[in-house]
Full PDB file with SEQRES, HELIX, SHEET, SSBOND, CRYST1, ORIGX, SCALE, CONECT and MASTER records, all heavy atoms in Angstrom:
SEQRES   1 A   39  HIS GLY ASP PRO THR GLN ARG GLU SER PRO TYR ASN PRO          
SEQRES   2 A   39  ILE THR ALA GLY GLN VAL LYS ALA SER GLY LEU GLN TYR          
SEQRES   3 A   39  LEU ALA LEU GLY HIS ILE HIS LYS ALA GLY ALA PHE ARG          
HELIX    1 AA1 ALA A   16  ALA A   21  1                                   6    
CRYST1    1.000    1.000    1.000  90.00  90.00  90.00 P 1           1          
ORIGX1      1.000000  0.000000  0.000000        0.00000                         
ORIGX2      0.000000  1.000000  0.000000        0.00000                         
ORIGX3      0.000000  0.000000  1.000000        0.00000                         
SCALE1      1.000000  0.000000  0.000000        0.00000                         
SCALE2      0.000000  1.000000  0.000000        0.00000                         
SCALE3      0.000000  0.000000  1.000000        0.00000                         
ATOM      1  N   HIS A   1     -19.682   9.128  -4.971  1.00  0.00           N  
ATOM      2  CA  HIS A   1     -18.640  10.121  -5.208  1.00  0.00           C  
ATOM      3  C   HIS A   1     -17.408   9.615  -4.474  1.00  0.00           C  
ATOM      4  O   HIS A   1     -17.485   9.312  -3.274  1.00  0.00           O  
ATOM      5  CB  HIS A   1     -19.071  11.485  -4.648  1.00  0.00           C  
ATOM      6  CG  HIS A   1     -18.297  12.635  -5.207  1.00  0.00           C  
ATOM      7  ND1 HIS A   1     -18.525  13.139  -6.474  1.00  0.00           N  
ATOM      8  CD2 HIS A   1     -17.299  13.384  -4.680  1.00  0.00           C  
ATOM      9  CE1 HIS A   1     -17.712  14.154  -6.698  1.00  0.00           C  
ATOM     10  NE2 HIS A   1     -16.955  14.319  -5.631  1.00  0.00           N  
ATOM     11  N   GLY A   2     -16.292   9.466  -5.176  1.00  0.00           N  
ATOM     12  CA  GLY A   2     -15.129   8.893  -4.512  1.00  0.00           C  
ATOM     13  C   GLY A   2     -13.878   9.002  -5.354  1.00  0.00           C  
ATOM     14  O   GLY A   2     -13.930   9.298  -6.552  1.00  0.00           O  
ATOM     15  N   ASP A   3     -12.753   8.724  -4.719  1.00  0.00           N  
ATOM     16  CA  ASP A   3     -11.441   8.899  -5.354  1.00  0.00           C  
ATOM     17  C   ASP A   3     -10.768   7.541  -5.552  1.00  0.00           C  
ATOM     18  O   ASP A   3     -10.314   6.915  -4.589  1.00  0.00           O  
ATOM     19  CB  ASP A   3     -10.573   9.798  -4.468  1.00  0.00           C  
ATOM     20  CG  ASP A   3      -9.273  10.200  -5.138  1.00  0.00           C  
ATOM     21  OD1 ASP A   3      -8.901   9.581  -6.162  1.00  0.00           O  
ATOM     22  OD2 ASP A   3      -8.620  11.141  -4.641  1.00  0.00           O  
ATOM     23  N   PRO A   4     -10.676   7.063  -6.799  1.00  0.00           N  
ATOM     24  CA  PRO A   4     -10.020   5.782  -7.062  1.00  0.00           C  
ATOM     25  C   PRO A   4      -8.520   5.930  -7.345  1.00  0.00           C  
ATOM     26  O   PRO A   4      -7.872   4.952  -7.706  1.00  0.00           O  
ATOM     27  CB  PRO A   4     -10.749   5.290  -8.316  1.00  0.00           C  
ATOM     28  CG  PRO A   4     -11.038   6.566  -9.061  1.00  0.00           C  
ATOM     29  CD  PRO A   4     -11.300   7.624  -8.011  1.00  0.00           C  
ATOM     30  N   THR A   5      -7.982   7.141  -7.187  1.00  0.00           N  
ATOM     31  CA  THR A   5      -6.586   7.386  -7.582  1.00  0.00           C  
ATOM     32  C   THR A   5      -5.637   7.507  -6.396  1.00  0.00           C  
ATOM     33  O   THR A   5      -4.426   7.424  -6.576  1.00  0.00           O  
ATOM     34  CB  THR A   5      -6.482   8.670  -8.425  1.00  0.00           C  
ATOM     35  OG1 THR A   5      -6.788   9.818  -7.603  1.00  0.00           O  
ATOM     36  CG2 THR A   5      -7.429   8.627  -9.606  1.00  0.00           C  
ATOM     37  N   GLN A   6      -6.162   7.739  -5.176  1.00  0.00           N  
ATOM     38  CA  GLN A   6      -5.305   7.934  -4.008  1.00  0.00           C  
ATOM     39  C   GLN A   6      -5.846   7.125  -2.822  1.00  0.00           C  
ATOM     40  O   GLN A   6      -6.950   7.387  -2.355  1.00  0.00           O  
ATOM     41  CB  GLN A   6      -5.239   9.409  -3.605  1.00  0.00           C  
ATOM     42  CG  GLN A   6      -4.708  10.334  -4.678  1.00  0.00           C  
ATOM     43  CD  GLN A   6      -4.657  11.757  -4.193  1.00  0.00           C  
ATOM     44  OE1 GLN A   6      -3.905  12.101  -3.277  1.00  0.00           O  
ATOM     45  NE2 GLN A   6      -5.454  12.616  -4.803  1.00  0.00           N  
ATOM     46  N   ARG A   7      -5.048   6.187  -2.363  1.00  0.00           N  
ATOM     47  CA  ARG A   7      -5.478   5.315  -1.271  1.00  0.00           C  
ATOM     48  C   ARG A   7      -5.740   6.099   0.018  1.00  0.00           C  
ATOM     49  O   ARG A   7      -6.590   5.717   0.831  1.00  0.00           O  
ATOM     50  CB  ARG A   7      -4.411   4.241  -1.027  1.00  0.00           C  
ATOM     51  CG  ARG A   7      -4.797   3.192  -0.001  1.00  0.00           C  
ATOM     52  CD  ARG A   7      -3.691   2.157   0.132  1.00  0.00           C  
ATOM     53  NE  ARG A   7      -3.590   1.342  -1.064  1.00  0.00           N  
ATOM     54  CZ  ARG A   7      -4.248   0.211  -1.259  1.00  0.00           C  
ATOM     55  NH1 ARG A   7      -5.086  -0.229  -0.323  1.00  0.00           N  
ATOM     56  NH2 ARG A   7      -4.090  -0.484  -2.364  1.00  0.00           N  
ATOM     57  N   GLU A   8      -5.034   7.209   0.212  1.00  0.00           N  
ATOM     58  CA  GLU A   8      -5.188   8.014   1.432  1.00  0.00           C  
ATOM     59  C   GLU A   8      -6.064   9.240   1.196  1.00  0.00           C  
ATOM     60  O   GLU A   8      -6.035  10.187   1.979  1.00  0.00           O  
ATOM     61  CB  GLU A   8      -3.803   8.448   1.949  1.00  0.00           C  
ATOM     62  CG  GLU A   8      -2.851   7.302   2.243  1.00  0.00           C  
ATOM     63  CD  GLU A   8      -3.408   6.327   3.260  1.00  0.00           C  
ATOM     64  OE1 GLU A   8      -4.065   6.774   4.214  1.00  0.00           O  
ATOM     65  OE2 GLU A   8      -3.193   5.107   3.094  1.00  0.00           O  
ATOM     66  N   SER A   9      -6.827   9.268   0.153  1.00  0.00           N  
ATOM     67  CA  SER A   9      -7.668  10.423  -0.161  1.00  0.00           C  
ATOM     68  C   SER A   9      -8.694  10.671   0.950  1.00  0.00           C  
ATOM     69  O   SER A   9      -9.248   9.732   1.520  1.00  0.00           O  
ATOM     70  CB  SER A   9      -8.403  10.195  -1.481  1.00  0.00           C  
ATOM     71  OG  SER A   9      -9.352  11.229  -1.713  1.00  0.00           O  
ATOM     72  N   PRO A  10      -8.981  11.953   1.254  1.00  0.00           N  
ATOM     73  CA  PRO A  10     -10.043  12.258   2.225  1.00  0.00           C  
ATOM     74  C   PRO A  10     -11.443  12.173   1.623  1.00  0.00           C  
ATOM     75  O   PRO A  10     -12.430  12.400   2.307  1.00  0.00           O  
ATOM     76  CB  PRO A  10      -9.714  13.684   2.658  1.00  0.00           C  
ATOM     77  CG  PRO A  10      -9.040  14.288   1.470  1.00  0.00           C  
ATOM     78  CD  PRO A  10      -8.258  13.168   0.832  1.00  0.00           C  
ATOM     79  N   TYR A  11     -11.518  11.867   0.317  1.00  0.00           N  
ATOM     80  CA  TYR A  11     -12.799  11.883  -0.389  1.00  0.00           C  
ATOM     81  C   TYR A  11     -13.221  10.468  -0.792  1.00  0.00           C  
ATOM     82  O   TYR A  11     -13.200  10.115  -1.965  1.00  0.00           O  
ATOM     83  CB  TYR A  11     -12.715  12.786  -1.623  1.00  0.00           C  
ATOM     84  CG  TYR A  11     -12.192  14.166  -1.314  1.00  0.00           C  
ATOM     85  CD1 TYR A  11     -10.955  14.587  -1.806  1.00  0.00           C  
ATOM     86  CD2 TYR A  11     -12.918  15.050  -0.523  1.00  0.00           C  
ATOM     87  CE1 TYR A  11     -10.467  15.859  -1.525  1.00  0.00           C  
ATOM     88  CE2 TYR A  11     -12.445  16.318  -0.235  1.00  0.00           C  
ATOM     89  CZ  TYR A  11     -11.212  16.713  -0.734  1.00  0.00           C  
ATOM     90  OH  TYR A  11     -10.731  17.964  -0.437  1.00  0.00           O  
ATOM     91  N   ASN A  12     -13.585   9.656   0.205  1.00  0.00           N  
ATOM     92  CA  ASN A  12     -14.039   8.296  -0.048  1.00  0.00           C  
ATOM     93  C   ASN A  12     -13.076   7.541  -0.960  1.00  0.00           C  
ATOM     94  O   ASN A  12     -13.380   7.285  -2.134  1.00  0.00           O  
ATOM     95  CB  ASN A  12     -15.447   8.294  -0.658  1.00  0.00           C  
ATOM     96  CG  ASN A  12     -15.949   6.890  -0.966  1.00  0.00           C  
ATOM     97  OD1 ASN A  12     -15.537   5.922  -0.340  1.00  0.00           O  
ATOM     98  ND2 ASN A  12     -16.829   6.782  -1.944  1.00  0.00           N  
ATOM     99  N   PRO A  13     -11.897   7.167  -0.460  1.00  0.00           N  
ATOM    100  CA  PRO A  13     -10.941   6.432  -1.299  1.00  0.00           C  
ATOM    101  C   PRO A  13     -11.508   5.073  -1.715  1.00  0.00           C  
ATOM    102  O   PRO A  13     -12.118   4.356  -0.915  1.00  0.00           O  
ATOM    103  CB  PRO A  13      -9.717   6.274  -0.391  1.00  0.00           C  
ATOM    104  CG  PRO A  13     -10.266   6.393   1.004  1.00  0.00           C  
ATOM    105  CD  PRO A  13     -11.414   7.355   0.919  1.00  0.00           C  
ATOM    106  N   ILE A  14     -11.310   4.751  -2.982  1.00  0.00           N  
ATOM    107  CA  ILE A  14     -11.793   3.494  -3.564  1.00  0.00           C  
ATOM    108  C   ILE A  14     -10.582   2.690  -4.014  1.00  0.00           C  
ATOM    109  O   ILE A  14      -9.753   3.174  -4.789  1.00  0.00           O  
ATOM    110  CB  ILE A  14     -12.709   3.760  -4.776  1.00  0.00           C  
ATOM    111  CG1 ILE A  14     -13.862   4.697  -4.418  1.00  0.00           C  
ATOM    112  CG2 ILE A  14     -13.198   2.455  -5.377  1.00  0.00           C  
ATOM    113  CD1 ILE A  14     -14.937   4.093  -3.576  1.00  0.00           C  
ATOM    114  N   THR A  15     -10.464   1.441  -3.575  1.00  0.00           N  
ATOM    115  CA  THR A  15      -9.338   0.605  -3.973  1.00  0.00           C  
ATOM    116  C   THR A  15      -9.805  -0.491  -4.924  1.00  0.00           C  
ATOM    117  O   THR A  15     -10.984  -0.867  -4.945  1.00  0.00           O  
ATOM    118  CB  THR A  15      -8.668  -0.055  -2.750  1.00  0.00           C  
ATOM    119  OG1 THR A  15      -9.572  -1.007  -2.175  1.00  0.00           O  
ATOM    120  CG2 THR A  15      -8.302   0.987  -1.699  1.00  0.00           C  
ATOM    121  N   ALA A  16      -8.858  -1.012  -5.688  1.00  0.00           N  
ATOM    122  CA  ALA A  16      -9.173  -2.103  -6.613  1.00  0.00           C  
ATOM    123  C   ALA A  16      -9.660  -3.333  -5.851  1.00  0.00           C  
ATOM    124  O   ALA A  16     -10.547  -4.059  -6.318  1.00  0.00           O  
ATOM    125  CB  ALA A  16      -7.948  -2.443  -7.456  1.00  0.00           C  
ATOM    126  N   GLY A  17      -9.091  -3.563  -4.662  1.00  0.00           N  
ATOM    127  CA  GLY A  17      -9.535  -4.697  -3.864  1.00  0.00           C  
ATOM    128  C   GLY A  17     -10.984  -4.567  -3.432  1.00  0.00           C  
ATOM    129  O   GLY A  17     -11.737  -5.549  -3.455  1.00  0.00           O  
ATOM    130  N   GLN A  18     -11.394  -3.361  -3.048  1.00  0.00           N  
ATOM    131  CA  GLN A  18     -12.789  -3.132  -2.671  1.00  0.00           C  
ATOM    132  C   GLN A  18     -13.722  -3.354  -3.858  1.00  0.00           C  
ATOM    133  O   GLN A  18     -14.799  -3.954  -3.717  1.00  0.00           O  
ATOM    134  CB  GLN A  18     -12.964  -1.718  -2.135  1.00  0.00           C  
ATOM    135  CG  GLN A  18     -12.307  -1.469  -0.799  1.00  0.00           C  
ATOM    136  CD  GLN A  18     -12.346   0.006  -0.416  1.00  0.00           C  
ATOM    137  OE1 GLN A  18     -12.625   0.869  -1.241  1.00  0.00           O  
ATOM    138  NE2 GLN A  18     -12.059   0.292   0.851  1.00  0.00           N  
ATOM    139  N   VAL A  19     -13.298  -2.863  -5.011  1.00  0.00           N  
ATOM    140  CA  VAL A  19     -14.118  -3.016  -6.217  1.00  0.00           C  
ATOM    141  C   VAL A  19     -14.270  -4.494  -6.564  1.00  0.00           C  
ATOM    142  O   VAL A  19     -15.370  -4.971  -6.868  1.00  0.00           O  
ATOM    143  CB  VAL A  19     -13.503  -2.224  -7.391  1.00  0.00           C  
ATOM    144  CG1 VAL A  19     -14.263  -2.492  -8.685  1.00  0.00           C  
ATOM    145  CG2 VAL A  19     -13.487  -0.721  -7.084  1.00  0.00           C  
ATOM    146  N   LYS A  20     -13.180  -5.224  -6.504  1.00  0.00           N  
ATOM    147  CA  LYS A  20     -13.211  -6.648  -6.845  1.00  0.00           C  
ATOM    148  C   LYS A  20     -14.128  -7.424  -5.906  1.00  0.00           C  
ATOM    149  O   LYS A  20     -14.851  -8.336  -6.321  1.00  0.00           O  
ATOM    150  CB  LYS A  20     -11.797  -7.220  -6.795  1.00  0.00           C  
ATOM    151  CG  LYS A  20     -11.702  -8.675  -7.215  1.00  0.00           C  
ATOM    152  CD  LYS A  20     -10.255  -9.152  -7.200  1.00  0.00           C  
ATOM    153  CE  LYS A  20     -10.157 -10.596  -7.635  1.00  0.00           C  
ATOM    154  NZ  LYS A  20      -8.743 -11.076  -7.642  1.00  0.00           N  
ATOM    155  N   ALA A  21     -14.097  -7.058  -4.622  1.00  0.00           N  
ATOM    156  CA  ALA A  21     -14.885  -7.785  -3.624  1.00  0.00           C  
ATOM    157  C   ALA A  21     -16.334  -7.312  -3.542  1.00  0.00           C  
ATOM    158  O   ALA A  21     -17.136  -7.918  -2.828  1.00  0.00           O  
ATOM    159  CB  ALA A  21     -14.229  -7.639  -2.248  1.00  0.00           C  
ATOM    160  N   SER A  22     -16.688  -6.266  -4.279  1.00  0.00           N  
ATOM    161  CA  SER A  22     -18.001  -5.639  -4.120  1.00  0.00           C  
ATOM    162  C   SER A  22     -19.159  -6.489  -4.626  1.00  0.00           C  
ATOM    163  O   SER A  22     -20.295  -6.327  -4.176  1.00  0.00           O  
ATOM    164  CB  SER A  22     -18.030  -4.289  -4.841  1.00  0.00           C  
ATOM    165  OG  SER A  22     -17.995  -4.471  -6.253  1.00  0.00           O  
ATOM    166  N   GLY A  23     -18.897  -7.360  -5.592  1.00  0.00           N  
ATOM    167  CA  GLY A  23     -19.974  -8.134  -6.181  1.00  0.00           C  
ATOM    168  C   GLY A  23     -20.849  -7.339  -7.131  1.00  0.00           C  
ATOM    169  O   GLY A  23     -21.884  -7.832  -7.597  1.00  0.00           O  
ATOM    170  N   LEU A  24     -20.447  -6.119  -7.435  1.00  0.00           N  
ATOM    171  CA  LEU A  24     -21.187  -5.270  -8.366  1.00  0.00           C  
ATOM    172  C   LEU A  24     -20.812  -5.597  -9.802  1.00  0.00           C  
ATOM    173  O   LEU A  24     -19.710  -6.082 -10.079  1.00  0.00           O  
ATOM    174  CB  LEU A  24     -20.887  -3.798  -8.095  1.00  0.00           C  
ATOM    175  CG  LEU A  24     -21.250  -3.241  -6.718  1.00  0.00           C  
ATOM    176  CD1 LEU A  24     -20.576  -1.892  -6.500  1.00  0.00           C  
ATOM    177  CD2 LEU A  24     -22.769  -3.100  -6.581  1.00  0.00           C  
ATOM    178  N   GLN A  25     -21.723  -5.297 -10.710  1.00  0.00           N  
ATOM    179  CA  GLN A  25     -21.356  -5.335 -12.124  1.00  0.00           C  
ATOM    180  C   GLN A  25     -20.770  -3.995 -12.562  1.00  0.00           C  
ATOM    181  O   GLN A  25     -19.867  -3.940 -13.385  1.00  0.00           O  
ATOM    182  CB  GLN A  25     -22.588  -5.642 -12.985  1.00  0.00           C  
ATOM    183  CG  GLN A  25     -23.048  -7.087 -12.902  1.00  0.00           C  
ATOM    184  CD  GLN A  25     -24.408  -7.247 -13.535  1.00  0.00           C  
ATOM    185  OE1 GLN A  25     -25.420  -6.866 -12.955  1.00  0.00           O  
ATOM    186  NE2 GLN A  25     -24.442  -7.789 -14.741  1.00  0.00           N  
ATOM    187  N   TYR A  26     -21.320  -2.927 -11.979  1.00  0.00           N  
ATOM    188  CA  TYR A  26     -20.901  -1.590 -12.403  1.00  0.00           C  
ATOM    189  C   TYR A  26     -20.854  -0.660 -11.197  1.00  0.00           C  
ATOM    190  O   TYR A  26     -21.812  -0.603 -10.411  1.00  0.00           O  
ATOM    191  CB  TYR A  26     -21.879  -1.030 -13.442  1.00  0.00           C  
ATOM    192  CG  TYR A  26     -21.441   0.281 -14.054  1.00  0.00           C  
ATOM    193  CD1 TYR A  26     -20.416   0.320 -14.992  1.00  0.00           C  
ATOM    194  CD2 TYR A  26     -22.051   1.487 -13.699  1.00  0.00           C  
ATOM    195  CE1 TYR A  26     -20.008   1.521 -15.551  1.00  0.00           C  
ATOM    196  CE2 TYR A  26     -21.654   2.685 -14.267  1.00  0.00           C  
ATOM    197  CZ  TYR A  26     -20.629   2.697 -15.188  1.00  0.00           C  
ATOM    198  OH  TYR A  26     -20.221   3.888 -15.750  1.00  0.00           O  
ATOM    199  N   LEU A  27     -19.733   0.051 -11.052  1.00  0.00           N  
ATOM    200  CA  LEU A  27     -19.581   1.066 -10.018  1.00  0.00           C  
ATOM    201  C   LEU A  27     -19.402   2.421 -10.691  1.00  0.00           C  
ATOM    202  O   LEU A  27     -18.411   2.652 -11.388  1.00  0.00           O  
ATOM    203  CB  LEU A  27     -18.378   0.756  -9.129  1.00  0.00           C  
ATOM    204  CG  LEU A  27     -18.011   1.819  -8.093  1.00  0.00           C  
ATOM    205  CD1 LEU A  27     -19.177   2.108  -7.152  1.00  0.00           C  
ATOM    206  CD2 LEU A  27     -16.770   1.395  -7.301  1.00  0.00           C  
ATOM    207  N   ALA A  28     -20.383   3.291 -10.497  1.00  0.00           N  
ATOM    208  CA  ALA A  28     -20.381   4.623 -11.106  1.00  0.00           C  
ATOM    209  C   ALA A  28     -19.806   5.629 -10.115  1.00  0.00           C  
ATOM    210  O   ALA A  28     -20.370   5.838  -9.038  1.00  0.00           O  
ATOM    211  CB  ALA A  28     -21.806   5.021 -11.497  1.00  0.00           C  
ATOM    212  N   LEU A  29     -18.682   6.236 -10.474  1.00  0.00           N  
ATOM    213  CA  LEU A  29     -18.029   7.203  -9.596  1.00  0.00           C  
ATOM    214  C   LEU A  29     -18.093   8.613 -10.166  1.00  0.00           C  
ATOM    215  O   LEU A  29     -18.286   8.819 -11.367  1.00  0.00           O  
ATOM    216  CB  LEU A  29     -16.560   6.833  -9.384  1.00  0.00           C  
ATOM    217  CG  LEU A  29     -16.253   5.541  -8.637  1.00  0.00           C  
ATOM    218  CD1 LEU A  29     -14.747   5.395  -8.466  1.00  0.00           C  
ATOM    219  CD2 LEU A  29     -16.952   5.502  -7.287  1.00  0.00           C  
ATOM    220  N   GLY A  30     -17.906   9.577  -9.279  1.00  0.00           N  
ATOM    221  CA  GLY A  30     -17.643  10.956  -9.646  1.00  0.00           C  
ATOM    222  C   GLY A  30     -16.447  11.426  -8.845  1.00  0.00           C  
ATOM    223  O   GLY A  30     -15.895  10.689  -8.034  1.00  0.00           O  
ATOM    224  N   HIS A  31     -16.006  12.648  -9.068  1.00  0.00           N  
ATOM    225  CA  HIS A  31     -14.937  13.338  -8.329  1.00  0.00           C  
ATOM    226  C   HIS A  31     -13.722  13.638  -9.209  1.00  0.00           C  
ATOM    227  O   HIS A  31     -13.199  14.749  -9.154  1.00  0.00           O  
ATOM    228  CB  HIS A  31     -14.489  12.557  -7.088  1.00  0.00           C  
ATOM    229  CG  HIS A  31     -13.497  13.311  -6.245  1.00  0.00           C  
ATOM    230  ND1 HIS A  31     -13.825  14.479  -5.595  1.00  0.00           N  
ATOM    231  CD2 HIS A  31     -12.184  13.077  -5.965  1.00  0.00           C  
ATOM    232  CE1 HIS A  31     -12.763  14.931  -4.938  1.00  0.00           C  
ATOM    233  NE2 HIS A  31     -11.763  14.094  -5.150  1.00  0.00           N  
ATOM    234  N   ILE A  32     -13.246  12.679  -9.984  1.00  0.00           N  
ATOM    235  CA  ILE A  32     -12.093  12.909 -10.850  1.00  0.00           C  
ATOM    236  C   ILE A  32     -12.587  13.505 -12.167  1.00  0.00           C  
ATOM    237  O   ILE A  32     -13.435  12.921 -12.837  1.00  0.00           O  
ATOM    238  CB  ILE A  32     -11.313  11.606 -11.107  1.00  0.00           C  
ATOM    239  CG1 ILE A  32     -10.917  10.957  -9.779  1.00  0.00           C  
ATOM    240  CG2 ILE A  32     -10.087  11.885 -11.958  1.00  0.00           C  
ATOM    241  CD1 ILE A  32     -10.030  11.803  -8.911  1.00  0.00           C  
ATOM    242  N   HIS A  33     -12.044  14.663 -12.547  1.00  0.00           N  
ATOM    243  CA  HIS A  33     -12.591  15.405 -13.688  1.00  0.00           C  
ATOM    244  C   HIS A  33     -12.068  14.935 -15.040  1.00  0.00           C  
ATOM    245  O   HIS A  33     -12.573  15.374 -16.075  1.00  0.00           O  
ATOM    246  CB  HIS A  33     -12.314  16.898 -13.516  1.00  0.00           C  
ATOM    247  CG  HIS A  33     -13.149  17.527 -12.445  1.00  0.00           C  
ATOM    248  ND1 HIS A  33     -13.298  18.889 -12.311  1.00  0.00           N  
ATOM    249  CD2 HIS A  33     -13.908  16.974 -11.462  1.00  0.00           C  
ATOM    250  CE1 HIS A  33     -14.095  19.145 -11.292  1.00  0.00           C  
ATOM    251  NE2 HIS A  33     -14.472  18.001 -10.752  1.00  0.00           N  
ATOM    252  N   LYS A  34     -11.089  14.070 -15.043  1.00  0.00           N  
ATOM    253  CA  LYS A  34     -10.625  13.448 -16.289  1.00  0.00           C  
ATOM    254  C   LYS A  34     -11.122  12.015 -16.312  1.00  0.00           C  
ATOM    255  O   LYS A  34     -10.876  11.240 -15.382  1.00  0.00           O  
ATOM    256  CB  LYS A  34      -9.097  13.481 -16.379  1.00  0.00           C  
ATOM    257  CG  LYS A  34      -8.567  12.932 -17.697  1.00  0.00           C  
ATOM    258  CD  LYS A  34      -7.057  13.058 -17.774  1.00  0.00           C  
ATOM    259  CE  LYS A  34      -6.544  12.520 -19.102  1.00  0.00           C  
ATOM    260  NZ  LYS A  34      -5.060  12.622 -19.212  1.00  0.00           N  
ATOM    261  N   ALA A  35     -11.825  11.645 -17.372  1.00  0.00           N  
ATOM    262  CA  ALA A  35     -12.474  10.335 -17.438  1.00  0.00           C  
ATOM    263  C   ALA A  35     -11.467   9.193 -17.291  1.00  0.00           C  
ATOM    264  O   ALA A  35     -10.316   9.291 -17.731  1.00  0.00           O  
ATOM    265  CB  ALA A  35     -13.226  10.195 -18.755  1.00  0.00           C  
ATOM    266  N   GLY A  36     -11.933   8.115 -16.675  1.00  0.00           N  
ATOM    267  CA  GLY A  36     -11.085   6.948 -16.506  1.00  0.00           C  
ATOM    268  C   GLY A  36     -11.908   5.743 -16.103  1.00  0.00           C  
ATOM    269  O   GLY A  36     -13.097   5.846 -15.795  1.00  0.00           O  
ATOM    270  N   ALA A  37     -11.271   4.582 -16.081  1.00  0.00           N  
ATOM    271  CA  ALA A  37     -11.973   3.348 -15.743  1.00  0.00           C  
ATOM    272  C   ALA A  37     -10.968   2.251 -15.456  1.00  0.00           C  
ATOM    273  O   ALA A  37      -9.812   2.311 -15.894  1.00  0.00           O  
ATOM    274  CB  ALA A  37     -12.896   2.923 -16.890  1.00  0.00           C  
ATOM    275  N   PHE A  38     -11.401   1.260 -14.702  1.00  0.00           N  
ATOM    276  CA  PHE A  38     -10.628   0.028 -14.552  1.00  0.00           C  
ATOM    277  C   PHE A  38     -11.590  -1.097 -14.213  1.00  0.00           C  
ATOM    278  O   PHE A  38     -12.687  -0.869 -13.700  1.00  0.00           O  
ATOM    279  CB  PHE A  38      -9.526   0.157 -13.501  1.00  0.00           C  
ATOM    280  CG  PHE A  38     -10.012   0.278 -12.082  1.00  0.00           C  
ATOM    281  CD1 PHE A  38     -10.226  -0.846 -11.290  1.00  0.00           C  
ATOM    282  CD2 PHE A  38     -10.237   1.530 -11.520  1.00  0.00           C  
ATOM    283  CE1 PHE A  38     -10.663  -0.733  -9.983  1.00  0.00           C  
ATOM    284  CE2 PHE A  38     -10.674   1.660 -10.209  1.00  0.00           C  
ATOM    285  CZ  PHE A  38     -10.892   0.522  -9.434  1.00  0.00           C  
ATOM    286  N   ARG A  39     -11.177  -2.304 -14.509  1.00  0.00           N  
ATOM    287  CA  ARG A  39     -11.968  -3.485 -14.180  1.00  0.00           C  
ATOM    288  C   ARG A  39     -11.226  -4.281 -13.114  1.00  0.00           C  
ATOM    289  O   ARG A  39     -10.020  -4.529 -13.240  1.00  0.00           O  
ATOM    290  CB  ARG A  39     -12.197  -4.345 -15.430  1.00  0.00           C  
ATOM    291  CG  ARG A  39     -13.241  -5.443 -15.224  1.00  0.00           C  
ATOM    292  CD  ARG A  39     -13.432  -6.254 -16.496  1.00  0.00           C  
ATOM    293  NE  ARG A  39     -14.025  -5.480 -17.561  1.00  0.00           N  
ATOM    294  CZ  ARG A  39     -15.331  -5.301 -17.726  1.00  0.00           C  
ATOM    295  NH1 ARG A  39     -16.181  -5.841 -16.864  1.00  0.00           N  
ATOM    296  NH2 ARG A  39     -15.795  -4.593 -18.732  1.00  0.00           N  
TER     297      ARG A  39                                                      
MASTER        0    0    0    1    0    0    0    6  296    1    0    3          
END                                                                             
């Protein structure tokens, strides 16, 4: 559960740099009620 839209979010902020460095194929998030995605 995390927020990929606000770098200073109090709800586990997720940055593109973290995602890129994660080594994951897929990161499944919740919290934002309007669907979205980025690679």
